[in-house]
Amino acid sequence: MNNNLILFPSMTAVLKGREVLRRHGFFSKVIRTPANLRRRSCGYSLLVKKNFDDAVTLIKNANVKTVGVAAVDLP
């Protein structure tokens, strides 16, 4: 199953992104970024399983800095 991750440059940005999503009724979870993607991020990402594109749009519209997105398989 593909889970979608939003990658951030800092833990502060991760927490801001999570708060933006929470305020709009989205569920997200802070997880360790998989090792092969960590070079691009701070080492933590937001996992969003539903309405991923809408979640990314909300975060960007809130001016929370991201470094990209990734689709990964997690156990």
PDB file of N, CA and C in Angstrom:
ATOM      1  N   MET A   1       0.856  -1.187   0.000  1.00  0.00           N
ATOM      2  CA  MET A   1       0.000   0.000   0.000  1.00  0.00           C
ATOM      3  C   MET A   1       0.889   1.232   0.000  1.00  0.00           C
ATOM      4  N   ASN A   2       0.583   2.179  -0.848  1.00  0.00           N
ATOM      5  CA  ASN A   2       1.355   3.415  -0.889  1.00  0.00           C
ATOM      6  C   ASN A   2       0.844   4.387   0.157  1.00  0.00           C
ATOM      7  N   ASN A   3       1.747   4.812   0.988  1.00  0.00           N
ATOM      8  CA  ASN A   3       1.454   5.876   1.942  1.00  0.00           C
ATOM      9  C   ASN A   3       2.165   7.107   1.443  1.00  0.00           C
ATOM     10  N   ASN A   4       1.598   8.245   1.687  1.00  0.00           N
ATOM     11  CA  ASN A   4       2.184   9.466   1.147  1.00  0.00           C
ATOM     12  C   ASN A   4       2.834  10.289   2.242  1.00  0.00           C
ATOM     13  N   LEU A   5       4.030  10.764   1.947  1.00  0.00           N
ATOM     14  CA  LEU A   5       4.801  11.555   2.894  1.00  0.00           C
ATOM     15  C   LEU A   5       5.011  12.959   2.365  1.00  0.00           C
ATOM     16  N   ILE A   6       4.953  13.909   3.272  1.00  0.00           N
ATOM     17  CA  ILE A   6       5.345  15.276   2.970  1.00  0.00           C
ATOM     18  C   ILE A   6       6.650  15.503   3.721  1.00  0.00           C
ATOM     19  N   LEU A   7       7.689  15.906   2.995  1.00  0.00           N
ATOM     20  CA  LEU A   7       9.021  16.085   3.567  1.00  0.00           C
ATOM     21  C   LEU A   7       9.252  17.557   3.897  1.00  0.00           C
ATOM     22  N   PHE A   8       9.924  17.811   5.010  1.00  0.00           N
ATOM     23  CA  PHE A   8      10.129  19.167   5.507  1.00  0.00           C
ATOM     24  C   PHE A   8      11.601  19.429   5.797  1.00  0.00           C
ATOM     25  N   PRO A   9      12.012  20.705   5.782  1.00  0.00           N
ATOM     26  CA  PRO A   9      13.407  21.043   6.053  1.00  0.00           C
ATOM     27  C   PRO A   9      13.742  21.109   7.545  1.00  0.00           C
ATOM     28  N   SER A  10      12.723  21.180   8.410  1.00  0.00           N
ATOM     29  CA  SER A  10      12.980  21.285   9.849  1.00  0.00           C
ATOM     30  C   SER A  10      11.826  20.684  10.639  1.00  0.00           C
ATOM     31  N   MET A  11      12.107  20.319  11.871  1.00  0.00           N
ATOM     32  CA  MET A  11      11.069  19.782  12.740  1.00  0.00           C
ATOM     33  C   MET A  11      10.002  20.844  13.019  1.00  0.00           C
ATOM     34  N   THR A  12      10.404  22.092  13.090  1.00  0.00           N
ATOM     35  CA  THR A  12       9.434  23.171  13.295  1.00  0.00           C
ATOM     36  C   THR A  12       8.424  23.200  12.155  1.00  0.00           C
ATOM     37  N   ALA A  13       8.897  23.050  10.928  1.00  0.00           N
ATOM     38  CA  ALA A  13       7.997  23.038   9.780  1.00  0.00           C
ATOM     39  C   ALA A  13       7.071  21.821   9.816  1.00  0.00           C
ATOM     40  N   VAL A  14       7.584  20.669  10.253  1.00  0.00           N
ATOM     41  CA  VAL A  14       6.747  19.465  10.390  1.00  0.00           C
ATOM     42  C   VAL A  14       5.586  19.756  11.341  1.00  0.00           C
ATOM     43  N   LEU A  15       5.900  20.333  12.500  1.00  0.00           N
ATOM     44  CA  LEU A  15       4.873  20.595  13.501  1.00  0.00           C
ATOM     45  C   LEU A  15       3.882  21.655  13.028  1.00  0.00           C
ATOM     46  N   LYS A  16       4.359  22.662  12.311  1.00  0.00           N
ATOM     47  CA  LYS A  16       3.453  23.668  11.754  1.00  0.00           C
ATOM     48  C   LYS A  16       2.529  23.030  10.723  1.00  0.00           C
ATOM     49  N   GLY A  17       3.083  22.183   9.876  1.00  0.00           N
ATOM     50  CA  GLY A  17       2.280  21.488   8.874  1.00  0.00           C
ATOM     51  C   GLY A  17       1.230  20.607   9.501  1.00  0.00           C
ATOM     52  N   ARG A  18       1.602  19.880  10.537  1.00  0.00           N
ATOM     53  CA  ARG A  18       0.640  19.019  11.235  1.00  0.00           C
ATOM     54  C   ARG A  18      -0.491  19.841  11.833  1.00  0.00           C
ATOM     55  N   GLU A  19      -0.163  20.990  12.394  1.00  0.00           N
ATOM     56  CA  GLU A  19      -1.184  21.858  12.991  1.00  0.00           C
ATOM     57  C   GLU A  19      -2.124  22.420  11.934  1.00  0.00           C
ATOM     58  N   VAL A  20      -1.596  22.823  10.793  1.00  0.00           N
ATOM     59  CA  VAL A  20      -2.438  23.311   9.697  1.00  0.00           C
ATOM     60  C   VAL A  20      -3.438  22.225   9.290  1.00  0.00           C
ATOM     61  N   LEU A  21      -2.940  21.019   9.113  1.00  0.00           N
ATOM     62  CA  LEU A  21      -3.822  19.922   8.711  1.00  0.00           C
ATOM     63  C   LEU A  21      -4.857  19.616   9.786  1.00  0.00           C
ATOM     64  N   ARG A  22      -4.445  19.615  11.041  1.00  0.00           N
ATOM     65  CA  ARG A  22      -5.375  19.327  12.138  1.00  0.00           C
ATOM     66  C   ARG A  22      -6.514  20.338  12.154  1.00  0.00           C
ATOM     67  N   ARG A  23      -6.181  21.610  11.976  1.00  0.00           N
ATOM     68  CA  ARG A  23      -7.206  22.664  11.983  1.00  0.00           C
ATOM     69  C   ARG A  23      -8.221  22.501  10.859  1.00  0.00           C
ATOM     70  N   HIS A  24      -7.827  21.810   9.793  1.00  0.00           N
ATOM     71  CA  HIS A  24      -8.727  21.592   8.663  1.00  0.00           C
ATOM     72  C   HIS A  24      -9.323  20.178   8.656  1.00  0.00           C
ATOM     73  N   GLY A  25      -9.176  19.458   9.747  1.00  0.00           N
ATOM     74  CA  GLY A  25      -9.805  18.151   9.883  1.00  0.00           C
ATOM     75  C   GLY A  25      -9.074  16.986   9.240  1.00  0.00           C
ATOM     76  N   PHE A  26      -7.808  17.170   8.911  1.00  0.00           N
ATOM     77  CA  PHE A  26      -7.013  16.093   8.319  1.00  0.00           C
ATOM     78  C   PHE A  26      -6.257  15.351   9.406  1.00  0.00           C
ATOM     79  N   PHE A  27      -6.127  14.038   9.243  1.00  0.00           N
ATOM     80  CA  PHE A  27      -5.297  13.252  10.152  1.00  0.00           C
ATOM     81  C   PHE A  27      -3.923  13.090   9.507  1.00  0.00           C
ATOM     82  N   SER A  28      -2.890  13.387  10.270  1.00  0.00           N
ATOM     83  CA  SER A  28      -1.524  13.153   9.808  1.00  0.00           C
ATOM     84  C   SER A  28      -0.710  12.649  10.987  1.00  0.00           C
ATOM     85  N   LYS A  29       0.380  11.998  10.669  1.00  0.00           N
ATOM     86  CA  LYS A  29       1.224  11.415  11.708  1.00  0.00           C
ATOM     87  C   LYS A  29       2.675  11.771  11.416  1.00  0.00           C
ATOM     88  N   VAL A  30       3.395  12.235  12.433  1.00  0.00           N
ATOM     89  CA  VAL A  30       4.825  12.519  12.295  1.00  0.00           C
ATOM     90  C   VAL A  30       5.568  11.188  12.379  1.00  0.00           C
ATOM     91  N   ILE A  31       6.372  10.909  11.354  1.00  0.00           N
ATOM     92  CA  ILE A  31       7.162   9.672  11.347  1.00  0.00           C
ATOM     93  C   ILE A  31       8.594   9.991  10.941  1.00  0.00           C
ATOM     94  N   ARG A  32       9.494   9.053  11.228  1.00  0.00           N
ATOM     95  CA  ARG A  32      10.876   9.166  10.747  1.00  0.00           C
ATOM     96  C   ARG A  32      10.849   9.009   9.240  1.00  0.00           C
ATOM     97  N   THR A  33      11.529   9.863   8.549  1.00  0.00           N
ATOM     98  CA  THR A  33      11.635   9.751   7.100  1.00  0.00           C
ATOM     99  C   THR A  33      12.476   8.521   6.775  1.00  0.00           C
ATOM    100  N   PRO A  34      12.041   7.697   5.807  1.00  0.00           N
ATOM    101  CA  PRO A  34      12.867   6.543   5.424  1.00  0.00           C
ATOM    102  C   PRO A  34      14.286   6.981   5.062  1.00  0.00           C
ATOM    103  N   ALA A  35      15.249   6.139   5.364  1.00  0.00           N
ATOM    104  CA  ALA A  35      16.671   6.480   5.225  1.00  0.00           C
ATOM    105  C   ALA A  35      17.034   6.977   3.830  1.00  0.00           C
ATOM    106  N   ASN A  36      16.449   6.402   2.795  1.00  0.00           N
ATOM    107  CA  ASN A  36      16.820   6.799   1.440  1.00  0.00           C
ATOM    108  C   ASN A  36      16.304   8.195   1.066  1.00  0.00           C
ATOM    109  N   LEU A  37      15.430   8.781   1.871  1.00  0.00           N
ATOM    110  CA  LEU A  37      14.898  10.123   1.601  1.00  0.00           C
ATOM    111  C   LEU A  37      15.414  11.172   2.571  1.00  0.00           C
ATOM    112  N   ARG A  38      16.168  10.773   3.573  1.00  0.00           N
ATOM    113  CA  ARG A  38      16.598  11.710   4.623  1.00  0.00           C
ATOM    114  C   ARG A  38      17.540  12.792   4.161  1.00  0.00           C
ATOM    115  N   ARG A  39      18.286  12.561   3.111  1.00  0.00           N
ATOM    116  CA  ARG A  39      19.218  13.598   2.641  1.00  0.00           C
ATOM    117  C   ARG A  39      18.477  14.864   2.238  1.00  0.00           C
ATOM    118  N   ARG A  40      17.232  14.707   1.842  1.00  0.00           N
ATOM    119  CA  ARG A  40      16.450  15.847   1.379  1.00  0.00           C
ATOM    120  C   ARG A  40      15.677  16.537   2.497  1.00  0.00           C
ATOM    121  N   SER A  41      15.607  15.923   3.669  1.00  0.00           N
ATOM    122  CA  SER A  41      14.744  16.475   4.711  1.00  0.00           C
ATOM    123  C   SER A  41      15.440  16.507   6.061  1.00  0.00           C
ATOM    124  N   CYS A  42      14.693  16.953   7.058  1.00  0.00           N
ATOM    125  CA  CYS A  42      15.240  17.035   8.411  1.00  0.00           C
ATOM    126  C   CYS A  42      15.266  15.679   9.104  1.00  0.00           C
ATOM    127  N   GLY A  43      14.666  14.672   8.508  1.00  0.00           N
ATOM    128  CA  GLY A  43      14.631  13.345   9.127  1.00  0.00           C
ATOM    129  C   GLY A  43      13.262  12.961   9.636  1.00  0.00           C
ATOM    130  N   TYR A  44      12.309  13.894   9.594  1.00  0.00           N
ATOM    131  CA  TYR A  44      10.930  13.600   9.979  1.00  0.00           C
ATOM    132  C   TYR A  44       9.995  14.099   8.891  1.00  0.00           C
ATOM    133  N   SER A  45       8.901  13.395   8.712  1.00  0.00           N
ATOM    134  CA  SER A  45       7.929  13.722   7.678  1.00  0.00           C
ATOM    135  C   SER A  45       6.526  13.577   8.239  1.00  0.00           C
ATOM    136  N   LEU A  46       5.560  14.067   7.477  1.00  0.00           N
ATOM    137  CA  LEU A  46       4.158  13.836   7.813  1.00  0.00           C
ATOM    138  C   LEU A  46       3.611  12.756   6.898  1.00  0.00           C
ATOM    139  N   LEU A  47       3.003  11.755   7.508  1.00  0.00           N
ATOM    140  CA  LEU A  47       2.327  10.693   6.782  1.00  0.00           C
ATOM    141  C   LEU A  47       0.859  11.080   6.669  1.00  0.00           C
ATOM    142  N   VAL A  48       0.354  11.165   5.449  1.00  0.00           N
ATOM    143  CA  VAL A  48      -1.045  11.518   5.196  1.00  0.00           C
ATOM    144  C   VAL A  48      -1.621  10.443   4.291  1.00  0.00           C
ATOM    145  N   LYS A  49      -2.626   9.723   4.768  1.00  0.00           N
ATOM    146  CA  LYS A  49      -3.166   8.600   3.999  1.00  0.00           C
ATOM    147  C   LYS A  49      -4.384   8.962   3.157  1.00  0.00           C
ATOM    148  N   LYS A  50      -5.120   9.996   3.526  1.00  0.00           N
ATOM    149  CA  LYS A  50      -6.330  10.368   2.783  1.00  0.00           C
ATOM    150  C   LYS A  50      -6.236  11.809   2.320  1.00  0.00           C
ATOM    151  N   ASN A  51      -6.778  12.074   1.129  1.00  0.00           N
ATOM    152  CA  ASN A  51      -6.811  13.428   0.568  1.00  0.00           C
ATOM    153  C   ASN A  51      -5.431  14.076   0.529  1.00  0.00           C
ATOM    154  N   PHE A  52      -4.461  13.313   0.064  1.00  0.00           N
ATOM    155  CA  PHE A  52      -3.074  13.774   0.092  1.00  0.00           C
ATOM    156  C   PHE A  52      -2.873  15.082  -0.670  1.00  0.00           C
ATOM    157  N   ASP A  53      -3.403  15.171  -1.880  1.00  0.00           N
ATOM    158  CA  ASP A  53      -3.202  16.378  -2.679  1.00  0.00           C
ATOM    159  C   ASP A  53      -3.791  17.611  -1.994  1.00  0.00           C
ATOM    160  N   ASP A  54      -4.947  17.453  -1.370  1.00  0.00           N
ATOM    161  CA  ASP A  54      -5.556  18.561  -0.636  1.00  0.00           C
ATOM    162  C   ASP A  54      -4.697  18.967   0.556  1.00  0.00           C
ATOM    163  N   ALA A  55      -4.113  17.971   1.235  1.00  0.00           N
ATOM    164  CA  ALA A  55      -3.254  18.257   2.384  1.00  0.00           C
ATOM    165  C   ALA A  55      -2.027  19.050   1.963  1.00  0.00           C
ATOM    166  N   VAL A  56      -1.403  18.648   0.867  1.00  0.00           N
ATOM    167  CA  VAL A  56      -0.224  19.357   0.372  1.00  0.00           C
ATOM    168  C   VAL A  56      -0.586  20.797   0.012  1.00  0.00           C
ATOM    169  N   THR A  57      -1.717  20.975  -0.640  1.00  0.00           N
ATOM    170  CA  THR A  57      -2.169  22.317  -1.018  1.00  0.00           C
ATOM    171  C   THR A  57      -2.386  23.190   0.213  1.00  0.00           C
ATOM    172  N   LEU A  58      -3.033  22.651   1.241  1.00  0.00           N
ATOM    173  CA  LEU A  58      -3.261  23.415   2.477  1.00  0.00           C
ATOM    174  C   LEU A  58      -1.945  23.866   3.102  1.00  0.00           C
ATOM    175  N   ILE A  59      -0.992  22.954   3.169  1.00  0.00           N
ATOM    176  CA  ILE A  59       0.297  23.282   3.781  1.00  0.00           C
ATOM    177  C   ILE A  59       1.017  24.366   2.976  1.00  0.00           C
ATOM    178  N   LYS A  60       1.006  24.241   1.666  1.00  0.00           N
ATOM    179  CA  LYS A  60       1.670  25.244   0.834  1.00  0.00           C
ATOM    180  C   LYS A  60       0.966  26.592   0.922  1.00  0.00           C
ATOM    181  N   ASN A  61      -0.368  26.587   0.950  1.00  0.00           N
ATOM    182  CA  ASN A  61      -1.125  27.840   1.069  1.00  0.00           C
ATOM    183  C   ASN A  61      -0.895  28.523   2.408  1.00  0.00           C
ATOM    184  N   ALA A  62      -0.519  27.747   3.431  1.00  0.00           N
ATOM    185  CA  ALA A  62      -0.221  28.297   4.752  1.00  0.00           C
ATOM    186  C   ALA A  62       1.230  28.764   4.840  1.00  0.00           C
ATOM    187  N   ASN A  63       1.951  28.695   3.728  1.00  0.00           N
ATOM    188  CA  ASN A  63       3.357  29.116   3.658  1.00  0.00           C
ATOM    189  C   ASN A  63       4.276  28.336   4.587  1.00  0.00           C
ATOM    190  N   VAL A  64       3.965  27.062   4.783  1.00  0.00           N
ATOM    191  CA  VAL A  64       4.852  26.176   5.532  1.00  0.00           C
ATOM    192  C   VAL A  64       5.808  25.567   4.514  1.00  0.00           C
ATOM    193  N   LYS A  65       7.104  25.707   4.756  1.00  0.00           N
ATOM    194  CA  LYS A  65       8.121  25.257   3.790  1.00  0.00           C
ATOM    195  C   LYS A  65       8.194  23.728   3.775  1.00  0.00           C
ATOM    196  N   THR A  66       8.189  23.169   2.569  1.00  0.00           N
ATOM    197  CA  THR A  66       8.376  21.739   2.382  1.00  0.00           C
ATOM    198  C   THR A  66       9.557  21.531   1.432  1.00  0.00           C
ATOM    199  N   VAL A  67      10.090  20.310   1.411  1.00  0.00           N
ATOM    200  CA  VAL A  67      11.163  20.001   0.477  1.00  0.00           C
ATOM    201  C   VAL A  67      10.740  18.958  -0.549  1.00  0.00           C
ATOM    202  N   GLY A  68       9.501  18.509  -0.462  1.00  0.00           N
ATOM    203  CA  GLY A  68       9.002  17.565  -1.455  1.00  0.00           C
ATOM    204  C   GLY A  68       8.005  16.597  -0.873  1.00  0.00           C
ATOM    205  N   VAL A  69       7.602  15.663  -1.713  1.00  0.00           N
ATOM    206  CA  VAL A  69       6.671  14.616  -1.312  1.00  0.00           C
ATOM    207  C   VAL A  69       7.228  13.283  -1.806  1.00  0.00           C
ATOM    208  N   ALA A  70       6.746  12.203  -1.224  1.00  0.00           N
ATOM    209  CA  ALA A  70       7.173  10.880  -1.634  1.00  0.00           C
ATOM    210  C   ALA A  70       6.061   9.880  -1.363  1.00  0.00           C
ATOM    211  N   ALA A  71       5.968   8.873  -2.218  1.00  0.00           N
ATOM    212  CA  ALA A  71       5.050   7.755  -1.994  1.00  0.00           C
ATOM    213  C   ALA A  71       5.914   6.556  -1.621  1.00  0.00           C
ATOM    214  N   VAL A  72       5.667   6.000  -0.462  1.00  0.00           N
ATOM    215  CA  VAL A  72       6.493   4.886   0.029  1.00  0.00           C
ATOM    216  C   VAL A  72       5.614   3.783   0.577  1.00  0.00           C
ATOM    217  N   ASP A  73       6.174   2.581   0.624  1.00  0.00           N
ATOM    218  CA  ASP A  73       5.510   1.447   1.254  1.00  0.00           C
ATOM    219  C   ASP A  73       6.067   1.316   2.662  1.00  0.00           C
ATOM    220  N   LEU A  74       5.190   1.364   3.639  1.00  0.00           N
ATOM    221  CA  LEU A  74       5.590   1.199   5.039  1.00  0.00           C
ATOM    222  C   LEU A  74       4.908  -0.022   5.610  1.00  0.00           C
ATOM    223  N   PRO A  75       5.558  -0.670   6.557  1.00  0.00           N
ATOM    224  CA  PRO A  75       4.921  -1.862   7.161  1.00  0.00           C
ATOM    225  C   PRO A  75       3.675  -1.510   7.956  1.00  0.00           C
TER     226      PRO A  75
END
